Structure formats: C-alpha cells, structure tokens
Amino acid sequence: MTDSGSIQRLNQLALVLAVLLLASLGAWWWREHAKLRATPRWEPTRFAQLAAPRASASADADAERWVVAVNLDCPHCQAHLAWLRERIASRATPPLLGALLVDQPTRPDPSTLGTLSAGAYWDSAQVWREVWGRGMYGETMRFDAHGQLIGASPGGMVPDSLTL
C-alpha cells in the first residue's frame, strides 16, 4: 500500500503539470491574439482565380459579394456553400456568391463546387489565415461593392439572417 506522503507528492505533481499546461495554453492564446491582423478586404488580385465570375457579375457592381472559405477536404464547408447557393437563388437580387479555397498546398480543382456567380479563387499565399487571421472553414465573409468587409458568419448560417 502507498502512504499518504506519496499520494500527496503525486497530487502536487499533478497540480504543477496542470498549471504548466494552462500557462502554456494561455501563452499560446495570447501570442495568437496579440498579432496584428488586417481586416479582410476583397481584392481578387491577391488570389489565384480558378473559376471566373459569371459574365453578368460585372453588371451587378453594387451587389454584395459573399465569399465562403472552403477547404476541399472538408465536406461541411462544401455543403454550406451548396446550401447558401440554394438559399439565395430565389432572391430578387441575390448577393454574388464565391469560394476562397484555403489551406490547399497545390493548385486545387474547383469543379466540385459548381458554378459560382462570384467565381472561385485559391489562397495560395495564405492571406486568409496568415494576414487576416481567419481559421474557420465554412466561414462566409460579406463584402460590399468596394471590397470592404461588412461582416462574417460561421458555416451553417445565412450571413444576413440577423438583418432579415
């Protein structure tokens, strides 16, 4: 049998390890959140165009642009993109819908995404993650006609549902 002294030492060791783990997580969180990040701004020239916007997209110059961050290995963000396309199709003036393919080391094939009114782009320079500090696949970013960020929402949510 073990004596109470060894149990006490084991408890102290567990406490020290827990404190070290929490301190490490806190330091990592602080480091990540202390980085200066740029506010997302839609500038298509920063990305490699994989599928052109539809021809009438230039006529919709005042329309909002919704860009979904898609990782082709994530079925949820692809499903979210398809769901959004379906949800906005019946609108009198739907936003332009596009995809930004993220965290793809080689040039991806966007054919699985279907036709998107705002086109499909590949983030080969890691702008989404490294410059903007984003990291949630399926996130939908809303941009105005000038590329200014209006807002962002997680996958599974219609971006402007709070304003309806």
N, C-alpha and C. Protein backbone atom coordinates (compact mmCIF):
# COMPACT_ATOMS: atom_id res chain seq x y z
N MET A 1 0.84 -1.18 0.00
CA MET A 1 0.00 0.00 0.00
C MET A 1 0.89 1.25 0.00
N THR A 2 0.32 2.32 -0.51
CA THR A 2 1.08 3.57 -0.55
C THR A 2 0.74 4.40 0.67
N ASP A 3 1.71 5.17 1.09
CA ASP A 3 1.46 6.02 2.25
C ASP A 3 0.91 7.37 1.80
N SER A 4 0.40 8.12 2.73
CA SER A 4 -0.23 9.40 2.39
C SER A 4 0.78 10.41 1.86
N GLY A 5 2.04 10.29 2.21
CA GLY A 5 3.06 11.20 1.70
C GLY A 5 3.28 11.05 0.21
N SER A 6 3.28 9.83 -0.30
CA SER A 6 3.47 9.64 -1.74
C SER A 6 2.23 10.08 -2.52
N ILE A 7 1.04 9.90 -1.94
CA ILE A 7 -0.17 10.37 -2.59
C ILE A 7 -0.17 11.89 -2.66
N GLN A 8 0.31 12.52 -1.58
CA GLN A 8 0.38 13.98 -1.56
C GLN A 8 1.36 14.49 -2.60
N ARG A 9 2.52 13.82 -2.74
CA ARG A 9 3.51 14.22 -3.76
C ARG A 9 2.94 14.04 -5.17
N LEU A 10 2.20 12.95 -5.38
CA LEU A 10 1.58 12.70 -6.67
C LEU A 10 0.54 13.79 -6.99
N ASN A 11 -0.23 14.19 -6.01
CA ASN A 11 -1.21 15.27 -6.19
C ASN A 11 -0.52 16.59 -6.51
N GLN A 12 0.59 16.86 -5.82
CA GLN A 12 1.33 18.10 -6.08
C GLN A 12 1.91 18.10 -7.50
N LEU A 13 2.43 16.95 -7.92
CA LEU A 13 2.96 16.84 -9.28
C LEU A 13 1.85 17.06 -10.31
N ALA A 14 0.70 16.48 -10.08
CA ALA A 14 -0.44 16.66 -10.99
C ALA A 14 -0.85 18.13 -11.04
N LEU A 15 -0.86 18.79 -9.89
CA LEU A 15 -1.21 20.21 -9.85
C LEU A 15 -0.20 21.05 -10.63
N VAL A 16 1.08 20.78 -10.46
CA VAL A 16 2.12 21.52 -11.17
C VAL A 16 1.97 21.30 -12.68
N LEU A 17 1.73 20.06 -13.10
CA LEU A 17 1.56 19.78 -14.53
C LEU A 17 0.33 20.50 -15.09
N ALA A 18 -0.76 20.52 -14.34
CA ALA A 18 -1.97 21.22 -14.78
C ALA A 18 -1.73 22.71 -14.92
N VAL A 19 -1.03 23.30 -13.96
CA VAL A 19 -0.72 24.74 -14.02
C VAL A 19 0.18 25.04 -15.21
N LEU A 20 1.18 24.19 -15.46
CA LEU A 20 2.06 24.39 -16.61
C LEU A 20 1.29 24.28 -17.93
N LEU A 21 0.38 23.33 -18.01
CA LEU A 21 -0.42 23.17 -19.22
C LEU A 21 -1.30 24.41 -19.44
N LEU A 22 -1.96 24.88 -18.41
CA LEU A 22 -2.80 26.07 -18.55
C LEU A 22 -1.98 27.30 -18.90
N ALA A 23 -0.81 27.44 -18.29
CA ALA A 23 0.05 28.58 -18.60
C ALA A 23 0.52 28.52 -20.06
N SER A 24 0.84 27.33 -20.54
CA SER A 24 1.26 27.18 -21.94
C SER A 24 0.13 27.54 -22.89
N LEU A 25 -1.07 27.05 -22.60
CA LEU A 25 -2.21 27.38 -23.44
C LEU A 25 -2.50 28.88 -23.41
N GLY A 26 -2.41 29.48 -22.24
CA GLY A 26 -2.63 30.92 -22.12
C GLY A 26 -1.61 31.72 -22.91
N ALA A 27 -0.34 31.30 -22.84
CA ALA A 27 0.71 31.99 -23.59
C ALA A 27 0.48 31.85 -25.10
N TRP A 28 0.09 30.65 -25.55
CA TRP A 28 -0.19 30.45 -26.96
C TRP A 28 -1.36 31.32 -27.40
N TRP A 29 -2.45 31.33 -26.61
CA TRP A 29 -3.63 32.12 -26.95
C TRP A 29 -3.26 33.60 -27.03
N TRP A 30 -2.51 34.09 -26.05
CA TRP A 30 -2.12 35.50 -26.04
C TRP A 30 -1.28 35.83 -27.27
N ARG A 31 -0.32 34.95 -27.61
CA ARG A 31 0.55 35.19 -28.76
C ARG A 31 -0.27 35.27 -30.06
N GLU A 32 -1.23 34.36 -30.21
CA GLU A 32 -2.06 34.35 -31.40
C GLU A 32 -2.95 35.58 -31.49
N HIS A 33 -3.48 36.01 -30.37
CA HIS A 33 -4.41 37.15 -30.38
C HIS A 33 -3.70 38.51 -30.29
N ALA A 34 -2.43 38.51 -29.98
CA ALA A 34 -1.68 39.75 -29.92
C ALA A 34 -1.14 40.16 -31.29
N LYS A 35 -1.15 39.23 -32.24
CA LYS A 35 -0.67 39.55 -33.58
C LYS A 35 -1.59 40.57 -34.23
N LEU A 36 -0.99 41.52 -34.91
CA LEU A 36 -1.79 42.49 -35.66
C LEU A 36 -2.28 41.82 -36.93
N ARG A 37 -3.57 41.83 -37.11
CA ARG A 37 -4.18 41.20 -38.28
C ARG A 37 -4.87 42.28 -39.10
N ALA A 38 -4.83 42.10 -40.39
CA ALA A 38 -5.51 43.04 -41.29
C ALA A 38 -6.98 42.69 -41.34
N THR A 39 -7.81 43.70 -41.42
CA THR A 39 -9.24 43.48 -41.65
C THR A 39 -9.39 42.93 -43.05
N PRO A 40 -10.14 41.84 -43.21
CA PRO A 40 -10.33 41.29 -44.56
C PRO A 40 -10.88 42.34 -45.52
N ARG A 41 -10.35 42.34 -46.69
CA ARG A 41 -10.80 43.22 -47.78
C ARG A 41 -10.75 42.40 -49.05
N TRP A 42 -11.84 42.40 -49.81
CA TRP A 42 -11.88 41.58 -51.02
C TRP A 42 -11.15 42.27 -52.15
N GLU A 43 -9.98 41.72 -52.47
CA GLU A 43 -9.16 42.16 -53.59
C GLU A 43 -8.81 40.90 -54.37
N PRO A 44 -9.59 40.57 -55.40
CA PRO A 44 -9.40 39.31 -56.11
C PRO A 44 -8.00 39.10 -56.66
N THR A 45 -7.27 40.18 -56.92
CA THR A 45 -5.92 40.03 -57.47
C THR A 45 -4.95 39.42 -56.46
N ARG A 46 -5.32 39.37 -55.17
CA ARG A 46 -4.45 38.74 -54.16
C ARG A 46 -4.51 37.22 -54.22
N PHE A 47 -5.46 36.70 -55.01
CA PHE A 47 -5.69 35.27 -55.06
C PHE A 47 -5.60 34.77 -56.50
N ALA A 48 -5.34 33.48 -56.65
CA ALA A 48 -5.30 32.88 -57.98
C ALA A 48 -6.73 32.52 -58.39
N GLN A 49 -7.16 33.08 -59.50
CA GLN A 49 -8.53 32.81 -59.97
C GLN A 49 -8.58 31.41 -60.57
N LEU A 50 -9.52 30.60 -60.06
CA LEU A 50 -9.70 29.24 -60.55
C LEU A 50 -10.92 29.11 -61.45
N ALA A 51 -11.94 29.88 -61.16
CA ALA A 51 -13.16 29.91 -61.98
C ALA A 51 -13.63 31.35 -62.04
N ALA A 52 -13.84 31.83 -63.23
CA ALA A 52 -14.21 33.24 -63.43
C ALA A 52 -15.62 33.51 -62.90
N PRO A 53 -15.83 34.73 -62.43
CA PRO A 53 -17.21 35.11 -62.07
C PRO A 53 -18.08 35.04 -63.31
N ARG A 54 -19.38 34.86 -63.11
CA ARG A 54 -20.27 34.81 -64.27
C ARG A 54 -20.22 36.16 -65.01
N ALA A 55 -20.54 36.13 -66.26
CA ALA A 55 -20.44 37.33 -67.10
C ALA A 55 -21.28 38.48 -66.58
N SER A 56 -22.43 38.19 -66.00
CA SER A 56 -23.29 39.27 -65.52
C SER A 56 -22.83 39.83 -64.17
N ALA A 57 -21.81 39.24 -63.57
CA ALA A 57 -21.34 39.73 -62.27
C ALA A 57 -20.83 41.16 -62.36
N SER A 58 -20.26 41.52 -63.49
CA SER A 58 -19.79 42.91 -63.63
C SER A 58 -20.96 43.88 -63.71
N ALA A 59 -22.11 43.39 -64.19
CA ALA A 59 -23.31 44.24 -64.23
C ALA A 59 -23.89 44.42 -62.82
N ASP A 60 -23.57 43.48 -61.93
CA ASP A 60 -24.04 43.55 -60.54
C ASP A 60 -23.01 44.28 -59.68
N ALA A 61 -22.48 45.36 -60.17
CA ALA A 61 -21.38 46.06 -59.50
C ALA A 61 -21.73 46.51 -58.09
N ASP A 62 -23.00 46.76 -57.82
CA ASP A 62 -23.39 47.23 -56.49
C ASP A 62 -23.80 46.09 -55.55
N ALA A 63 -23.79 44.87 -56.04
CA ALA A 63 -24.23 43.74 -55.23
C ALA A 63 -23.20 43.37 -54.17
N GLU A 64 -23.70 42.85 -53.07
CA GLU A 64 -22.80 42.30 -52.06
C GLU A 64 -22.12 41.07 -52.63
N ARG A 65 -20.93 40.80 -52.12
CA ARG A 65 -20.19 39.60 -52.51
C ARG A 65 -20.02 38.77 -51.25
N TRP A 66 -20.50 37.53 -51.30
CA TRP A 66 -20.32 36.60 -50.19
C TRP A 66 -19.25 35.60 -50.60
N VAL A 67 -18.20 35.52 -49.81
CA VAL A 67 -17.09 34.62 -50.11
C VAL A 67 -16.98 33.61 -48.97
N VAL A 68 -17.08 32.34 -49.35
CA VAL A 68 -17.04 31.25 -48.37
C VAL A 68 -15.63 30.64 -48.37
N ALA A 69 -15.04 30.52 -47.19
CA ALA A 69 -13.74 29.87 -47.04
C ALA A 69 -13.96 28.37 -47.11
N VAL A 70 -13.43 27.74 -48.15
CA VAL A 70 -13.67 26.32 -48.38
C VAL A 70 -12.35 25.57 -48.40
N ASN A 71 -12.30 24.50 -47.63
CA ASN A 71 -11.20 23.54 -47.73
C ASN A 71 -11.79 22.32 -48.42
N LEU A 72 -11.21 21.90 -49.52
CA LEU A 72 -11.78 20.80 -50.30
C LEU A 72 -11.77 19.47 -49.55
N ASP A 73 -11.04 19.38 -48.45
CA ASP A 73 -11.05 18.17 -47.62
C ASP A 73 -12.16 18.21 -46.58
N CYS A 74 -12.91 19.31 -46.53
CA CYS A 74 -13.96 19.49 -45.53
C CYS A 74 -15.34 19.41 -46.20
N PRO A 75 -16.05 18.30 -46.01
CA PRO A 75 -17.37 18.20 -46.64
C PRO A 75 -18.38 19.19 -46.07
N HIS A 76 -18.19 19.61 -44.82
CA HIS A 76 -19.13 20.55 -44.22
C HIS A 76 -19.11 21.92 -44.89
N CYS A 77 -17.92 22.44 -45.20
CA CYS A 77 -17.89 23.76 -45.82
C CYS A 77 -18.36 23.70 -47.27
N GLN A 78 -18.14 22.58 -47.95
CA GLN A 78 -18.68 22.43 -49.30
C GLN A 78 -20.20 22.35 -49.26
N ALA A 79 -20.74 21.63 -48.26
CA ALA A 79 -22.19 21.54 -48.11
C ALA A 79 -22.78 22.90 -47.76
N HIS A 80 -22.06 23.68 -46.93
CA HIS A 80 -22.53 25.02 -46.58
C HIS A 80 -22.61 25.91 -47.82
N LEU A 81 -21.60 25.82 -48.67
CA LEU A 81 -21.59 26.61 -49.90
C LEU A 81 -22.79 26.24 -50.79
N ALA A 82 -23.04 24.94 -50.95
CA ALA A 82 -24.18 24.49 -51.76
C ALA A 82 -25.50 24.94 -51.12
N TRP A 83 -25.58 24.87 -49.81
CA TRP A 83 -26.78 25.30 -49.08
C TRP A 83 -27.03 26.80 -49.27
N LEU A 84 -25.97 27.60 -49.17
CA LEU A 84 -26.11 29.04 -49.39
C LEU A 84 -26.59 29.34 -50.81
N ARG A 85 -26.00 28.64 -51.78
CA ARG A 85 -26.39 28.85 -53.18
C ARG A 85 -27.89 28.61 -53.34
N GLU A 86 -28.37 27.56 -52.71
CA GLU A 86 -29.79 27.22 -52.77
C GLU A 86 -30.66 28.26 -52.06
N ARG A 87 -30.19 28.71 -50.89
CA ARG A 87 -30.97 29.66 -50.09
C ARG A 87 -31.14 31.02 -50.76
N ILE A 88 -30.13 31.47 -51.50
CA ILE A 88 -30.20 32.82 -52.08
C ILE A 88 -30.71 32.83 -53.51
N ALA A 89 -30.88 31.65 -54.11
CA ALA A 89 -31.28 31.58 -55.52
C ALA A 89 -32.61 32.26 -55.81
N SER A 90 -33.54 32.22 -54.89
CA SER A 90 -34.86 32.78 -55.14
C SER A 90 -34.96 34.26 -54.81
N ARG A 91 -33.91 34.87 -54.33
CA ARG A 91 -33.96 36.29 -54.01
C ARG A 91 -34.03 37.14 -55.28
N ALA A 92 -34.72 38.24 -55.18
CA ALA A 92 -34.83 39.16 -56.32
C ALA A 92 -33.45 39.67 -56.72
N THR A 93 -32.64 40.04 -55.75
CA THR A 93 -31.26 40.47 -56.02
C THR A 93 -30.33 39.71 -55.09
N PRO A 94 -29.96 38.50 -55.48
CA PRO A 94 -29.08 37.72 -54.61
C PRO A 94 -27.67 38.29 -54.59
N PRO A 95 -26.96 38.08 -53.51
CA PRO A 95 -25.56 38.51 -53.48
C PRO A 95 -24.74 37.65 -54.44
N LEU A 96 -23.60 38.15 -54.84
CA LEU A 96 -22.68 37.35 -55.64
C LEU A 96 -22.02 36.35 -54.69
N LEU A 97 -22.04 35.09 -55.04
CA LEU A 97 -21.51 34.05 -54.17
C LEU A 97 -20.25 33.45 -54.77
N GLY A 98 -19.19 33.43 -53.96
CA GLY A 98 -17.92 32.88 -54.43
C GLY A 98 -17.27 32.02 -53.37
N ALA A 99 -16.19 31.36 -53.77
CA ALA A 99 -15.44 30.50 -52.86
C ALA A 99 -13.98 30.91 -52.85
N LEU A 100 -13.41 30.88 -51.66
CA LEU A 100 -11.98 31.08 -51.49
C LEU A 100 -11.43 29.75 -50.97
N LEU A 101 -10.68 29.05 -51.81
CA LEU A 101 -10.15 27.74 -51.42
C LEU A 101 -8.89 27.96 -50.59
N VAL A 102 -8.97 27.49 -49.34
CA VAL A 102 -7.93 27.77 -48.36
C VAL A 102 -7.23 26.49 -47.92
N ASP A 103 -6.02 26.68 -47.40
CA ASP A 103 -5.21 25.59 -46.86
C ASP A 103 -5.02 24.45 -47.85
N GLN A 104 -4.78 24.80 -49.10
CA GLN A 104 -4.53 23.83 -50.16
C GLN A 104 -3.11 24.05 -50.64
N PRO A 105 -2.19 23.11 -50.42
CA PRO A 105 -0.79 23.32 -50.79
C PRO A 105 -0.53 23.38 -52.29
N THR A 106 -1.37 22.72 -53.07
CA THR A 106 -1.21 22.77 -54.53
C THR A 106 -2.49 23.32 -55.15
N ARG A 107 -2.36 23.80 -56.36
CA ARG A 107 -3.50 24.41 -57.05
C ARG A 107 -4.65 23.41 -57.12
N PRO A 108 -5.79 23.74 -56.50
CA PRO A 108 -6.91 22.80 -56.46
C PRO A 108 -7.79 22.86 -57.70
N ASP A 109 -8.60 21.83 -57.87
CA ASP A 109 -9.59 21.77 -58.93
C ASP A 109 -10.92 22.15 -58.33
N PRO A 110 -11.48 23.30 -58.70
CA PRO A 110 -12.73 23.76 -58.09
C PRO A 110 -13.99 23.17 -58.71
N SER A 111 -13.84 22.22 -59.62
CA SER A 111 -15.01 21.73 -60.37
C SER A 111 -16.08 21.12 -59.45
N THR A 112 -15.70 20.62 -58.30
CA THR A 112 -16.69 20.03 -57.39
C THR A 112 -17.60 21.08 -56.77
N LEU A 113 -17.24 22.35 -56.88
CA LEU A 113 -18.03 23.42 -56.27
C LEU A 113 -19.18 23.88 -57.16
N GLY A 114 -19.14 23.56 -58.43
CA GLY A 114 -20.17 24.04 -59.35
C GLY A 114 -19.89 25.48 -59.75
N THR A 115 -20.83 26.06 -60.48
CA THR A 115 -20.68 27.43 -60.96
C THR A 115 -21.08 28.40 -59.85
N LEU A 116 -20.24 29.39 -59.65
CA LEU A 116 -20.48 30.40 -58.61
C LEU A 116 -20.51 31.77 -59.26
N SER A 117 -21.48 32.58 -58.88
CA SER A 117 -21.64 33.90 -59.51
C SER A 117 -20.43 34.80 -59.30
N ALA A 118 -19.73 34.64 -58.19
CA ALA A 118 -18.55 35.48 -57.93
C ALA A 118 -17.24 34.75 -58.22
N GLY A 119 -17.32 33.52 -58.72
CA GLY A 119 -16.13 32.77 -59.09
C GLY A 119 -15.50 32.03 -57.93
N ALA A 120 -14.39 31.38 -58.23
CA ALA A 120 -13.65 30.62 -57.22
C ALA A 120 -12.18 31.04 -57.28
N TYR A 121 -11.58 31.16 -56.11
CA TYR A 121 -10.20 31.64 -56.01
C TYR A 121 -9.43 30.74 -55.06
N TRP A 122 -8.13 30.64 -55.31
CA TRP A 122 -7.24 29.84 -54.47
C TRP A 122 -6.35 30.78 -53.68
N ASP A 123 -6.32 30.58 -52.38
CA ASP A 123 -5.50 31.40 -51.49
C ASP A 123 -4.10 30.78 -51.38
N SER A 124 -3.34 30.86 -52.44
CA SER A 124 -2.00 30.25 -52.47
C SER A 124 -1.03 30.96 -51.54
N ALA A 125 -1.27 32.21 -51.20
CA ALA A 125 -0.37 32.98 -50.34
C ALA A 125 -0.78 32.95 -48.87
N GLN A 126 -1.82 32.19 -48.52
CA GLN A 126 -2.29 32.07 -47.14
C GLN A 126 -2.73 33.41 -46.54
N VAL A 127 -3.34 34.26 -47.37
CA VAL A 127 -3.84 35.56 -46.92
C VAL A 127 -4.93 35.35 -45.86
N TRP A 128 -5.84 34.44 -46.13
CA TRP A 128 -6.98 34.19 -45.24
C TRP A 128 -6.50 33.85 -43.83
N ARG A 129 -5.54 32.97 -43.72
CA ARG A 129 -5.08 32.52 -42.41
C ARG A 129 -4.01 33.43 -41.81
N GLU A 130 -2.99 33.77 -42.58
CA GLU A 130 -1.82 34.48 -42.03
C GLU A 130 -2.01 36.00 -41.95
N VAL A 131 -2.66 36.60 -42.93
CA VAL A 131 -2.82 38.05 -42.95
C VAL A 131 -4.09 38.47 -42.23
N TRP A 132 -5.19 37.77 -42.55
CA TRP A 132 -6.47 38.11 -41.95
C TRP A 132 -6.69 37.45 -40.60
N GLY A 133 -5.93 36.40 -40.29
CA GLY A 133 -6.06 35.71 -39.01
C GLY A 133 -7.32 34.86 -38.90
N ARG A 134 -7.84 34.39 -40.02
CA ARG A 134 -9.05 33.57 -40.01
C ARG A 134 -8.66 32.11 -39.87
N GLY A 135 -9.61 31.27 -39.50
CA GLY A 135 -9.28 29.85 -39.36
C GLY A 135 -10.49 28.94 -39.31
N MET A 136 -11.67 29.45 -39.62
CA MET A 136 -12.87 28.64 -39.52
C MET A 136 -13.38 28.30 -40.93
N TYR A 137 -13.23 27.04 -41.31
CA TYR A 137 -13.73 26.61 -42.61
C TYR A 137 -15.24 26.81 -42.66
N GLY A 138 -15.73 27.18 -43.82
CA GLY A 138 -17.16 27.42 -44.00
C GLY A 138 -17.57 28.84 -43.64
N GLU A 139 -16.65 29.61 -43.09
CA GLU A 139 -16.97 31.00 -42.75
C GLU A 139 -17.37 31.75 -44.01
N THR A 140 -18.44 32.53 -43.91
CA THR A 140 -18.89 33.35 -45.03
C THR A 140 -18.62 34.81 -44.71
N MET A 141 -17.80 35.42 -45.54
CA MET A 141 -17.47 36.84 -45.36
C MET A 141 -18.29 37.65 -46.35
N ARG A 142 -18.92 38.70 -45.85
CA ARG A 142 -19.73 39.60 -46.68
C ARG A 142 -18.92 40.84 -46.99
N PHE A 143 -18.80 41.14 -48.27
CA PHE A 143 -18.08 42.33 -48.71
C PHE A 143 -19.03 43.22 -49.50
N ASP A 144 -18.85 44.54 -49.37
CA ASP A 144 -19.66 45.46 -50.18
C ASP A 144 -19.04 45.56 -51.57
N ALA A 145 -19.63 46.38 -52.41
CA ALA A 145 -19.18 46.51 -53.79
C ALA A 145 -17.75 47.04 -53.92
N HIS A 146 -17.25 47.66 -52.85
CA HIS A 146 -15.90 48.23 -52.87
C HIS A 146 -14.88 47.32 -52.19
N GLY A 147 -15.31 46.12 -51.77
CA GLY A 147 -14.40 45.18 -51.15
C GLY A 147 -14.28 45.31 -49.64
N GLN A 148 -15.02 46.24 -49.04
CA GLN A 148 -14.97 46.42 -47.58
C GLN A 148 -15.74 45.29 -46.90
N LEU A 149 -15.21 44.78 -45.81
CA LEU A 149 -15.87 43.73 -45.05
C LEU A 149 -17.10 44.31 -44.36
N ILE A 150 -18.25 43.66 -44.58
CA ILE A 150 -19.49 44.04 -43.90
C ILE A 150 -19.64 43.21 -42.63
N GLY A 151 -19.28 41.95 -42.74
CA GLY A 151 -19.40 41.03 -41.61
C GLY A 151 -19.02 39.63 -42.02
N ALA A 152 -18.99 38.74 -41.04
CA ALA A 152 -18.66 37.34 -41.30
C ALA A 152 -19.52 36.48 -40.38
N SER A 153 -19.82 35.29 -40.86
CA SER A 153 -20.61 34.37 -40.06
C SER A 153 -20.10 32.95 -40.26
N PRO A 154 -20.32 32.11 -39.27
CA PRO A 154 -19.84 30.72 -39.38
C PRO A 154 -20.68 29.92 -40.37
N GLY A 155 -20.13 28.79 -40.79
CA GLY A 155 -20.86 27.90 -41.68
C GLY A 155 -22.16 27.46 -41.02
N GLY A 156 -23.17 27.22 -41.85
CA GLY A 156 -24.46 26.79 -41.34
C GLY A 156 -25.41 27.93 -41.05
N MET A 157 -24.97 29.14 -41.32
CA MET A 157 -25.79 30.32 -41.03
C MET A 157 -25.83 31.21 -42.27
N VAL A 158 -27.01 31.73 -42.59
CA VAL A 158 -27.10 32.69 -43.69
C VAL A 158 -26.52 33.99 -43.15
N PRO A 159 -25.50 34.55 -43.80
CA PRO A 159 -24.79 35.71 -43.26
C PRO A 159 -25.66 36.89 -42.87
N ASP A 160 -26.72 37.15 -43.60
CA ASP A 160 -27.54 38.32 -43.28
C ASP A 160 -28.82 37.95 -42.54
N SER A 161 -28.87 36.76 -41.97
CA SER A 161 -30.09 36.31 -41.33
C SER A 161 -30.47 37.16 -40.13
N LEU A 162 -29.53 37.82 -39.52
CA LEU A 162 -29.84 38.66 -38.38
C LEU A 162 -30.52 39.95 -38.80
N THR A 163 -30.39 40.31 -40.07
CA THR A 163 -30.98 41.58 -40.53
C THR A 163 -32.29 41.37 -41.27
N LEU A 164 -32.73 40.14 -41.43
CA LEU A 164 -33.97 39.88 -42.16
C LEU A 164 -35.17 40.23 -41.32
